[in-house]
C-alpha cells in the first residue's frame, strides 16, 4: 500500500540547514537579525525540500499578508489580459502574492463586491482595472483605508482623485495617428470609435477630433464600435461603399482587423485606396496583410508602474495621488500610404 508523502515541515528545513526552528521562522518572515550566510543556507534547504511556508501562519506572525489584490473583469481584450500578467510578474519580483477578484461586468455593484472580497482576504493594497466610468464610481464609494491604484481609466474620470491612476495618453496617441494620415496627404480621417462608456475611447475620439480641427480638416461623423473585430468589419463595410473615404483611424487593433477584411472584400485596396491605422499594437499587428500601422501602448510598463506605485504606498505608508500617463508611440507599417486614389 502506497503512503502519501507528507509535505516538508519547518523542522525538516531546520535539520537540513543545521539551524534552529526559530532561525527558519525568522528567515521565512524576513526578519533582519539573521546573518546573510545563515539566510542563504536556510533558503537553499527550503529549495532542496520544496518547502512552502504556511501563508496563514506567517500573516498571523507578521500582521502582513504579503498579498496584493487585483480587480479585473471578464474580457478577451488583449490590453486588460496582458496587464493582468504584467502585474502578476511584477508582484512576484517584489515578493508579493496576487489575489484576483473578477467582476462579470465593470459596473458599480460588481466592482464594489470584488473590492470587498479582496479586503476580506486581508490584502495589503489593490490594483483595479477600471476601464469604464462606473468602475470609478464604485471605487469612490469604498473607504480608502488601504492603498489603491487605478489602472487604465484614461482621462475625464477621477481627475481630482485621491488615489493614483495609471494609463497611456490616449488623447496624444489618437492625435499621432490622425496627424500621420493627414501628413500623408489625406484630406480627412474617418474614425471607428470605441464604446462611449469607456473613458479611453472618449479620449481617443477627442484626440482624433482635435488633430483634424488643428489641421482645418472636416471631422466626419464617427462610426460606433465595441472594440471587437466584428464591429470593425461592420464599420469597414459602411466605409468601403463611400468613394470619398481614403483614411480610417480605428480606436483599437481588433476593429482595424475587421475593417481591413471588409475593405478587402469590397475591392478597396489597403493602402493604395484606403489607409488604416489601429491602436494598441497587438502581437498580430505586424503579421496582418498588410502589416498594420498602429499606436503602441506598453501594457507591460503600465502593469509594472501600477504595481510599483502600490508597493511604494504599502512600504512607506505614504499615500499618492495624481494621473500617471505613459507616452504612446506610432508604429508605421504598410497599411498607410500617401499614394491613394483621389
Protein backbone atom coordinates (compact mmCIF):
# COMPACT_ATOMS: atom_id res chain seq x y z
CA UNK A 1 0.00 0.00 0.00
CA UNK A 2 1.39 3.40 -1.01
CA UNK A 3 1.56 6.08 1.64
CA UNK A 4 1.00 9.71 0.80
CA UNK A 5 4.22 11.59 1.43
CA UNK A 6 3.74 14.38 3.95
CA UNK A 7 4.88 17.84 2.84
CA UNK A 8 8.15 19.06 4.39
CA UNK A 9 7.80 20.97 7.65
CA UNK A 10 9.82 23.79 9.15
CA UNK A 11 11.70 21.33 11.37
CA UNK A 12 12.88 19.45 8.26
CA UNK A 13 14.33 22.68 6.86
CA UNK A 14 15.99 23.41 10.23
CA UNK A 15 17.54 19.93 10.33
CA UNK A 16 18.90 20.13 6.76
CA UNK A 17 20.27 23.66 7.24
CA UNK A 18 21.73 22.87 10.66
CA UNK A 19 19.90 25.72 12.40
CA UNK A 20 17.12 26.10 14.94
CA UNK A 21 13.41 26.11 14.21
CA UNK A 22 13.34 29.78 15.30
CA UNK A 23 16.02 30.71 12.76
CA UNK A 24 14.00 29.18 9.92
CA UNK A 25 10.97 31.13 11.14
CA UNK A 26 12.97 34.37 11.09
CA UNK A 27 14.09 33.71 7.50
CA UNK A 28 10.55 32.87 6.38
CA UNK A 29 9.25 36.08 7.97
CA UNK A 30 12.12 38.13 6.53
CA UNK A 31 13.46 39.12 9.95
CA UNK A 32 16.53 41.36 9.66
CA UNK A 33 18.51 39.75 12.52
CA UNK A 34 19.77 36.76 10.51
CA UNK A 35 23.33 36.53 9.17
CA UNK A 36 23.49 36.52 5.37
CA UNK A 37 25.36 33.17 5.31
CA UNK A 38 22.73 31.58 7.55
CA UNK A 39 19.88 33.03 5.49
CA UNK A 40 21.42 31.63 2.29
CA UNK A 41 21.79 28.18 3.89
CA UNK A 42 18.15 28.16 5.05
CA UNK A 43 16.88 29.32 1.64
CA UNK A 44 18.92 26.59 -0.06
CA UNK A 45 17.39 23.99 2.26
CA UNK A 46 13.90 25.29 1.52
CA UNK A 47 14.52 24.95 -2.22
CA UNK A 48 16.02 21.47 -1.84
CA UNK A 49 13.00 20.27 0.13
CA UNK A 50 10.49 22.26 -1.92
CA UNK A 51 9.26 23.74 1.36
CA UNK A 52 6.25 26.06 1.05
CA UNK A 53 5.76 28.40 4.02
CA UNK A 54 2.33 28.50 5.63
CA UNK A 55 0.98 31.84 4.44
CA UNK A 56 -1.77 31.99 7.06
CA UNK A 57 0.71 31.38 9.87
CA UNK A 58 3.10 33.97 8.51
CA UNK A 59 0.27 36.51 8.30
CA UNK A 60 -0.55 35.94 11.96
CA UNK A 61 3.12 36.22 12.96
CA UNK A 62 3.91 39.37 11.00
CA UNK A 63 0.48 41.01 10.67
CA UNK A 64 1.25 41.19 6.93
CA UNK A 65 -0.24 39.02 4.20
CA UNK A 66 2.37 39.89 1.52
CA UNK A 67 -0.63 39.77 -0.82
CA UNK A 68 -1.99 42.42 -3.15
CA UNK A 69 -5.42 42.32 -4.71
CA UNK A 70 -6.29 42.77 -8.36
CA UNK A 71 -9.80 43.64 -9.52
CA UNK A 72 -10.36 42.73 -13.14
CA UNK A 73 -13.35 41.83 -15.29
CA UNK A 74 -14.23 39.09 -17.73
CA UNK A 75 -12.74 40.09 -21.06
CA UNK A 76 -10.97 38.69 -24.09
CA UNK A 77 -9.48 42.08 -24.95
CA UNK A 78 -5.71 41.94 -25.34
CA UNK A 79 -4.81 45.01 -23.27
CA UNK A 80 -6.50 44.17 -19.95
CA UNK A 81 -5.48 40.50 -20.19
CA UNK A 82 -1.84 41.38 -20.83
CA UNK A 83 -1.78 43.90 -17.97
CA UNK A 84 -3.00 41.21 -15.55
CA UNK A 85 0.02 39.06 -16.46
CA UNK A 86 2.36 42.07 -16.17
CA UNK A 87 1.06 42.86 -12.67
CA UNK A 88 1.45 39.24 -11.58
CA UNK A 89 5.07 39.16 -12.82
CA UNK A 90 5.91 42.47 -11.12
CA UNK A 91 4.31 41.29 -7.87
CA UNK A 92 6.36 38.08 -7.84
CA UNK A 93 9.55 40.09 -8.36
CA UNK A 94 8.56 42.32 -5.43
CA UNK A 95 7.84 39.32 -3.19
CA UNK A 96 4.05 39.57 -3.19
CA UNK A 97 1.28 37.12 -3.92
CA UNK A 98 -1.63 38.26 -6.09
CA UNK A 99 -5.27 37.53 -5.30
CA UNK A 100 -7.63 38.19 -8.22
CA UNK A 101 -11.30 39.09 -7.91
CA UNK A 102 -13.10 39.14 -11.23
CA UNK A 103 -16.29 41.05 -11.98
CA UNK A 104 -18.53 39.77 -14.77
CA UNK A 105 -19.22 43.37 -15.78
CA UNK A 106 -17.31 46.52 -14.74
CA UNK A 107 -20.37 48.11 -13.13
CA UNK A 108 -20.81 49.66 -9.69
CA UNK A 109 -22.27 46.68 -7.72
CA UNK A 110 -19.84 44.09 -9.11
CA UNK A 111 -16.72 46.23 -8.71
CA UNK A 112 -17.68 47.07 -5.13
CA UNK A 113 -18.28 43.38 -4.43
CA UNK A 114 -14.87 42.46 -5.90
CA UNK A 115 -13.12 45.07 -3.74
CA UNK A 116 -14.89 43.84 -0.62
CA UNK A 117 -13.94 40.21 -1.36
CA UNK A 118 -10.30 41.22 -1.57
CA UNK A 119 -10.46 43.25 1.63
CA UNK A 120 -11.84 40.18 3.41
CA UNK A 121 -8.64 38.36 2.36
CA UNK A 122 -6.52 40.97 4.19
CA UNK A 123 -4.75 42.15 1.04
CA UNK A 124 -2.30 44.99 1.67
CA UNK A 125 -3.37 47.01 -1.37
CA UNK A 126 -5.46 46.77 -4.53
CA UNK A 127 -4.85 47.47 -8.21
CA UNK A 128 -8.08 47.92 -10.11
CA UNK A 129 -8.51 47.66 -13.85
CA UNK A 130 -11.19 50.30 -14.23
CA UNK A 131 -11.92 50.79 -17.93
CA UNK A 132 -15.33 52.40 -17.55
CA UNK A 133 -16.68 55.33 -15.56
CA UNK A 134 -18.99 53.09 -13.49
CA UNK A 135 -15.97 51.27 -12.07
CA UNK A 136 -14.50 54.58 -10.93
CA UNK A 137 -17.80 55.48 -9.27
CA UNK A 138 -17.67 52.18 -7.38
CA UNK A 139 -14.16 52.86 -6.10
CA UNK A 140 -15.12 56.30 -4.83
CA UNK A 141 -17.75 54.64 -2.65
CA UNK A 142 -15.19 52.42 -0.89
CA UNK A 143 -13.24 53.52 2.23
CA UNK A 144 -9.61 54.32 1.40
CA UNK A 145 -8.03 52.58 4.41
CA UNK A 146 -5.67 50.55 2.19
CA UNK A 147 -3.68 51.73 -0.86
CA UNK A 148 -5.50 51.56 -4.19
CA UNK A 149 -4.13 52.16 -7.69
CA UNK A 150 -6.48 52.57 -10.64
CA UNK A 151 -5.17 51.23 -13.95
CA UNK A 152 -6.42 52.08 -17.43
CA UNK A 153 -9.23 54.50 -16.76
CA UNK A 154 -7.97 57.29 -19.02
CA UNK A 155 -8.62 60.98 -18.54
CA UNK A 156 -12.01 62.51 -17.89
CA UNK A 157 -12.83 60.35 -14.90
CA UNK A 158 -11.42 60.89 -11.44
CA UNK A 159 -9.02 63.69 -12.37
CA UNK A 160 -9.26 65.00 -8.81
CA UNK A 161 -8.79 61.53 -7.37
CA UNK A 162 -7.22 60.80 -4.02
CA UNK A 163 -5.68 57.64 -5.49
CA UNK A 164 -3.04 57.31 -8.22
CA UNK A 165 -4.21 56.43 -11.72
CA UNK A 166 -2.06 54.92 -14.47
CA UNK A 167 -2.88 54.95 -18.17
CA UNK A 168 -1.47 55.60 -21.61
CA UNK A 169 -2.04 59.09 -23.02
CA UNK A 170 -4.89 58.07 -25.30
CA UNK A 171 -5.53 61.63 -26.48
CA UNK A 172 -1.92 62.05 -27.64
CA UNK A 173 -1.92 58.62 -29.30
CA UNK A 174 -5.06 59.33 -31.31
CA UNK A 175 -3.67 62.69 -32.38
CA UNK A 176 -0.44 60.97 -33.50
CA UNK A 177 -2.41 58.53 -35.67
CA UNK A 178 -4.59 61.26 -37.18
CA UNK A 179 -1.70 63.62 -37.92
CA UNK A 180 0.22 60.78 -39.56
CA UNK A 181 -2.63 60.22 -42.02
CA UNK A 182 -3.08 63.93 -42.69
CA UNK A 183 0.65 64.36 -43.33
CA UNK A 184 0.42 61.61 -45.96
CA UNK A 185 -1.94 63.88 -47.89
CA UNK A 186 -5.37 62.60 -46.88
CA UNK A 187 -7.96 65.38 -46.74
CA UNK A 188 -9.64 63.98 -43.66
CA UNK A 189 -9.67 60.85 -41.48
CA UNK A 190 -12.70 58.74 -40.63
CA UNK A 191 -12.90 57.23 -37.15
CA UNK A 192 -14.24 53.91 -35.87
CA UNK A 193 -14.77 54.69 -32.17
CA UNK A 194 -14.77 52.54 -29.05
CA UNK A 195 -17.70 52.23 -26.61
CA UNK A 196 -18.88 55.61 -25.30
CA UNK A 197 -18.84 54.43 -21.66
CA UNK A 198 -15.07 53.80 -21.82
CA UNK A 199 -13.01 56.89 -20.91
CA UNK A 200 -10.18 55.53 -23.10
CA UNK A 201 -12.49 55.54 -26.13
CA UNK A 202 -13.62 59.09 -25.38
CA UNK A 203 -10.01 60.24 -25.07
CA UNK A 204 -9.13 58.72 -28.45
CA UNK A 205 -12.19 60.30 -30.03
CA UNK A 206 -11.18 63.69 -28.61
CA UNK A 207 -7.58 63.34 -29.81
CA UNK A 208 -8.75 62.43 -33.33
CA UNK A 209 -11.16 65.37 -33.49
CA UNK A 210 -8.61 67.86 -32.11
CA UNK A 211 -5.99 66.85 -34.70
CA UNK A 212 -8.50 67.34 -37.52
CA UNK A 213 -9.56 70.74 -36.18
CA UNK A 214 -5.93 71.80 -35.81
CA UNK A 215 -5.34 70.95 -39.48
CA UNK A 216 -8.54 72.67 -40.62
CA UNK A 217 -9.97 69.36 -41.83
CA UNK A 218 -13.65 68.44 -41.66
CA UNK A 219 -14.40 65.82 -38.98
CA UNK A 220 -16.76 63.13 -40.38
CA UNK A 221 -19.30 61.58 -38.03
CA UNK A 222 -17.53 58.79 -36.11
CA UNK A 223 -18.79 55.24 -36.52
CA UNK A 224 -19.69 53.42 -33.29
CA UNK A 225 -17.81 50.29 -32.25
CA UNK A 226 -17.42 47.95 -29.29
CA UNK A 227 -13.69 47.03 -29.59
CA UNK A 228 -14.47 43.81 -31.50
CA UNK A 229 -13.29 42.77 -34.96
CA UNK A 230 -16.96 42.26 -35.86
CA UNK A 231 -17.70 45.93 -35.11
CA UNK A 232 -14.72 46.96 -37.22
CA UNK A 233 -15.95 44.74 -40.05
CA UNK A 234 -19.40 46.36 -39.99
CA UNK A 235 -17.88 49.82 -39.97
CA UNK A 236 -15.49 48.82 -42.75
CA UNK A 237 -18.37 47.67 -44.95
CA UNK A 238 -20.03 51.04 -44.44
CA UNK A 239 -16.83 52.97 -45.22
CA UNK A 240 -15.93 50.79 -48.21
CA UNK A 241 -19.05 51.96 -50.01
CA UNK A 242 -18.05 55.61 -49.83
CA UNK A 243 -15.68 56.69 -52.59
CA UNK A 244 -14.52 59.74 -50.61
CA UNK A 245 -13.07 57.60 -47.77
CA UNK A 246 -9.28 57.35 -48.07
CA UNK A 247 -8.13 57.16 -44.42
CA UNK A 248 -9.50 55.39 -41.35
CA UNK A 249 -8.33 55.51 -37.74
CA UNK A 250 -9.76 52.67 -35.64
CA UNK A 251 -9.78 53.04 -31.85
CA UNK A 252 -8.14 49.63 -31.39
CA UNK A 253 -6.40 46.97 -33.46
CA UNK A 254 -9.20 44.41 -33.30
CA UNK A 255 -11.59 46.81 -35.02
CA UNK A 256 -8.85 47.68 -37.52
CA UNK A 257 -8.54 43.96 -38.37
CA UNK A 258 -12.25 43.78 -39.10
CA UNK A 259 -12.08 46.93 -41.21
CA UNK A 260 -9.18 45.50 -43.25
CA UNK A 261 -11.24 42.40 -44.04
CA UNK A 262 -14.29 44.44 -45.09
CA UNK A 263 -12.24 46.75 -47.32
CA UNK A 264 -10.54 43.76 -48.97
CA UNK A 265 -13.88 42.08 -49.69
CA UNK A 266 -15.19 45.31 -51.24
CA UNK A 267 -12.16 45.60 -53.53
CA UNK A 268 -10.77 48.67 -51.73
CA UNK A 269 -7.01 48.17 -51.67
CA UNK A 270 -5.06 48.97 -48.49
CA UNK A 271 -3.10 51.24 -48.52
CA UNK A 272 -3.40 52.25 -52.19
CA UNK A 273 -7.09 53.14 -51.94
CA UNK A 274 -7.59 53.43 -48.17
CA UNK A 275 -5.02 53.81 -45.37
CA UNK A 276 -5.85 52.21 -42.00
CA UNK A 277 -4.38 52.86 -38.54
CA UNK A 278 -5.17 50.99 -35.32
CA UNK A 279 -4.36 51.46 -31.63
CA UNK A 280 -2.60 49.08 -29.17
CA UNK A 281 -0.04 47.21 -31.32
CA UNK A 282 -1.25 43.71 -30.55
CA UNK A 283 1.21 40.87 -31.31
CA UNK A 284 -0.65 40.00 -34.55
CA UNK A 285 -0.38 43.54 -35.99
CA UNK A 286 2.93 43.03 -37.88
CA UNK A 287 1.60 39.81 -39.48
CA UNK A 288 -1.63 41.13 -40.96
CA UNK A 289 -1.93 41.66 -44.71
CA UNK A 290 -0.85 44.38 -44.99
CA UNK A 291 1.03 44.80 -41.68
CA UNK A 292 -0.91 47.28 -39.57
CA UNK A 293 0.24 50.80 -38.76
CA UNK A 294 -0.81 51.38 -35.16
CA UNK A 295 -0.26 53.30 -31.93
CA UNK A 296 1.71 51.26 -29.44
CA UNK A 297 0.96 51.38 -25.74
CA UNK A 298 3.33 49.48 -23.48
CA UNK A 299 0.99 47.25 -21.48
CA UNK A 300 3.88 45.67 -19.57
CA UNK A 301 5.10 49.09 -18.45
CA UNK A 302 1.59 50.08 -17.38
CA UNK A 303 1.26 46.93 -15.28
CA UNK A 304 4.69 47.32 -13.68
CA UNK A 305 4.18 51.01 -12.94
CA UNK A 306 0.83 50.41 -11.25
CA UNK A 307 2.31 47.66 -9.06
CA UNK A 308 5.34 49.81 -8.20
CA UNK A 309 3.05 52.65 -7.09
CA UNK A 310 1.06 50.25 -4.93
CA UNK A 311 4.11 48.64 -3.29
CA UNK A 312 5.63 52.07 -2.63
CA UNK A 313 2.49 53.10 -0.74
CA UNK A 314 2.43 49.82 1.20
CA UNK A 315 6.09 50.02 2.23
CA UNK A 316 6.22 53.75 3.06
CA UNK A 317 2.70 54.31 4.35
CA UNK A 318 2.57 57.48 2.23
CA UNK A 319 -0.47 57.88 0.01
CA UNK A 320 -0.06 59.01 -3.58
CA UNK A 321 -2.44 60.75 -5.95
CA UNK A 322 -2.41 62.06 -9.49
CA UNK A 323 -2.66 60.71 -13.00
CA UNK A 324 0.48 58.99 -14.30
CA UNK A 325 0.44 58.69 -18.10
CA UNK A 326 2.83 56.76 -20.33
CA UNK A 327 3.63 58.08 -23.78
CA UNK A 328 2.35 56.14 -26.82
CA UNK A 329 4.42 55.55 -29.98
CA UNK A 330 3.31 55.49 -33.59
CA UNK A 331 4.46 52.29 -35.31
CA UNK A 332 4.38 52.81 -39.08
CA UNK A 333 3.86 49.70 -41.21
CA UNK A 334 2.40 49.02 -44.66
CA UNK A 335 -1.29 49.77 -44.05
CA UNK A 336 -0.74 53.51 -44.59
CA UNK A 337 0.48 55.34 -47.66
CA UNK A 338 0.32 58.72 -49.36
CA UNK A 339 -0.29 57.05 -52.73
CA UNK A 340 -4.07 56.74 -52.57
CA UNK A 341 -6.78 57.07 -55.16
CA UNK A 342 -8.33 60.52 -55.48
